[in-house]
Amino acid sequence: MTEAGGRRRRLRRWVVVTWAVAVAVGGGVTLWLQDSAEPQGPYGRQEQDPSQSPAPLLWLDESR
């Protein structure tokens, strides 16, 4: 094989590997951005016992 053919083959391999890395990085960034754009789920709320009254600061009635 001639020296020019070897260079061409090396260049073609470099282009293909660079393209594959760019596609993999782009896919990873896309997934990362999609996950970060979704709202976070609830942090785990506690169920309030109906027999308990709400905190006094939450009452709208100022007579108490």
C-alpha atoms as a PDB file:
ATOM      1  CA  MET A   1       0.000   0.000   0.000  1.00  0.00           C
ATOM      2  CA  THR A   2       1.282   3.452  -0.765  1.00  0.00           C
ATOM      3  CA  GLU A   3       2.018   6.020   1.887  1.00  0.00           C
ATOM      4  CA  ALA A   4      -0.820   8.263   0.638  1.00  0.00           C
ATOM      5  CA  GLY A   5      -3.306   5.381   0.926  1.00  0.00           C
ATOM      6  CA  GLY A   6      -2.226   4.733   4.510  1.00  0.00           C
ATOM      7  CA  ARG A   7      -2.687   8.377   5.401  1.00  0.00           C
ATOM      8  CA  ARG A   8      -6.107   8.400   3.805  1.00  0.00           C
ATOM      9  CA  ARG A   9      -7.130   5.302   5.726  1.00  0.00           C
ATOM     10  CA  ARG A  10      -5.832   6.795   8.997  1.00  0.00           C
ATOM     11  CA  LEU A  11      -7.701  10.041   8.305  1.00  0.00           C
ATOM     12  CA  ARG A  12     -10.913   8.166   7.525  1.00  0.00           C
ATOM     13  CA  ARG A  13     -10.567   6.128  10.750  1.00  0.00           C
ATOM     14  CA  TRP A  14      -9.932   9.318  12.754  1.00  0.00           C
ATOM     15  CA  VAL A  15     -13.037  10.952  11.243  1.00  0.00           C
ATOM     16  CA  VAL A  16     -15.221   7.913  12.032  1.00  0.00           C
ATOM     17  CA  VAL A  17     -13.952   7.635  15.618  1.00  0.00           C
ATOM     18  CA  THR A  18     -14.393  11.386  16.175  1.00  0.00           C
ATOM     19  CA  TRP A  19     -17.941  11.198  14.776  1.00  0.00           C
ATOM     20  CA  ALA A  20     -18.795   8.217  17.017  1.00  0.00           C
ATOM     21  CA  VAL A  21     -17.482  10.009  20.120  1.00  0.00           C
ATOM     22  CA  ALA A  22     -19.440  13.142  19.209  1.00  0.00           C
ATOM     23  CA  VAL A  23     -22.646  11.121  18.770  1.00  0.00           C
ATOM     24  CA  ALA A  24     -22.150   9.356  22.121  1.00  0.00           C
ATOM     25  CA  VAL A  25     -21.448  12.630  23.947  1.00  0.00           C
ATOM     26  CA  GLY A  26     -24.408  14.324  22.256  1.00  0.00           C
ATOM     27  CA  GLY A  27     -26.719  11.480  23.259  1.00  0.00           C
ATOM     28  CA  GLY A  28     -25.523  11.612  26.845  1.00  0.00           C
ATOM     29  CA  VAL A  29     -25.984  15.379  27.019  1.00  0.00           C
ATOM     30  CA  THR A  30     -29.472  15.042  25.529  1.00  0.00           C
ATOM     31  CA  LEU A  31     -30.505  12.497  28.165  1.00  0.00           C
ATOM     32  CA  TRP A  32     -28.973  14.601  30.931  1.00  0.00           C
ATOM     33  CA  LEU A  33     -30.818  17.736  29.799  1.00  0.00           C
ATOM     34  CA  GLN A  34     -34.119  15.851  29.481  1.00  0.00           C
ATOM     35  CA  ASP A  35     -33.776  14.530  33.028  1.00  0.00           C
ATOM     36  CA  SER A  36     -32.919  17.951  34.413  1.00  0.00           C
ATOM     37  CA  ALA A  37     -35.886  19.583  32.613  1.00  0.00           C
ATOM     38  CA  GLU A  38     -38.452  17.313  34.279  1.00  0.00           C
ATOM     39  CA  PRO A  39     -39.873  18.549  37.575  1.00  0.00           C
ATOM     40  CA  GLN A  40     -38.661  16.789  40.672  1.00  0.00           C
ATOM     41  CA  GLY A  41     -41.081  14.417  42.364  1.00  0.00           C
ATOM     42  CA  PRO A  42     -42.585  15.147  45.748  1.00  0.00           C
ATOM     43  CA  TYR A  43     -40.160  14.814  48.622  1.00  0.00           C
ATOM     44  CA  GLY A  44     -42.473  12.490  50.523  1.00  0.00           C
ATOM     45  CA  ARG A  45     -45.195  14.329  52.319  1.00  0.00           C
ATOM     46  CA  GLN A  46     -46.393  13.205  55.692  1.00  0.00           C
ATOM     47  CA  GLU A  47     -50.050  12.428  56.087  1.00  0.00           C
ATOM     48  CA  GLN A  48     -51.649  14.645  58.699  1.00  0.00           C
ATOM     49  CA  ASP A  49     -53.878  13.033  61.284  1.00  0.00           C
ATOM     50  CA  PRO A  50     -57.380  14.527  60.797  1.00  0.00           C
ATOM     51  CA  SER A  51     -57.874  14.723  64.567  1.00  0.00           C
ATOM     52  CA  GLN A  52     -54.985  17.182  64.881  1.00  0.00           C
ATOM     53  CA  SER A  53     -55.640  20.844  64.255  1.00  0.00           C
ATOM     54  CA  PRO A  54     -53.416  22.851  61.922  1.00  0.00           C
ATOM     55  CA  ALA A  55     -50.605  24.959  63.287  1.00  0.00           C
ATOM     56  CA  PRO A  56     -51.819  28.236  64.840  1.00  0.00           C
ATOM     57  CA  LEU A  57     -49.898  30.306  62.294  1.00  0.00           C
ATOM     58  CA  LEU A  58     -52.030  28.807  59.517  1.00  0.00           C
ATOM     59  CA  TRP A  59     -55.359  29.874  60.997  1.00  0.00           C
ATOM     60  CA  LEU A  60     -56.976  32.780  59.197  1.00  0.00           C
ATOM     61  CA  ASP A  61     -59.209  33.639  62.114  1.00  0.00           C
ATOM     62  CA  GLU A  62     -57.429  36.384  64.088  1.00  0.00           C
ATOM     63  CA  SER A  63     -59.693  36.062  67.120  1.00  0.00           C
ATOM     64  CA  ARG A  64     -57.596  33.212  68.515  1.00  0.00           C
END
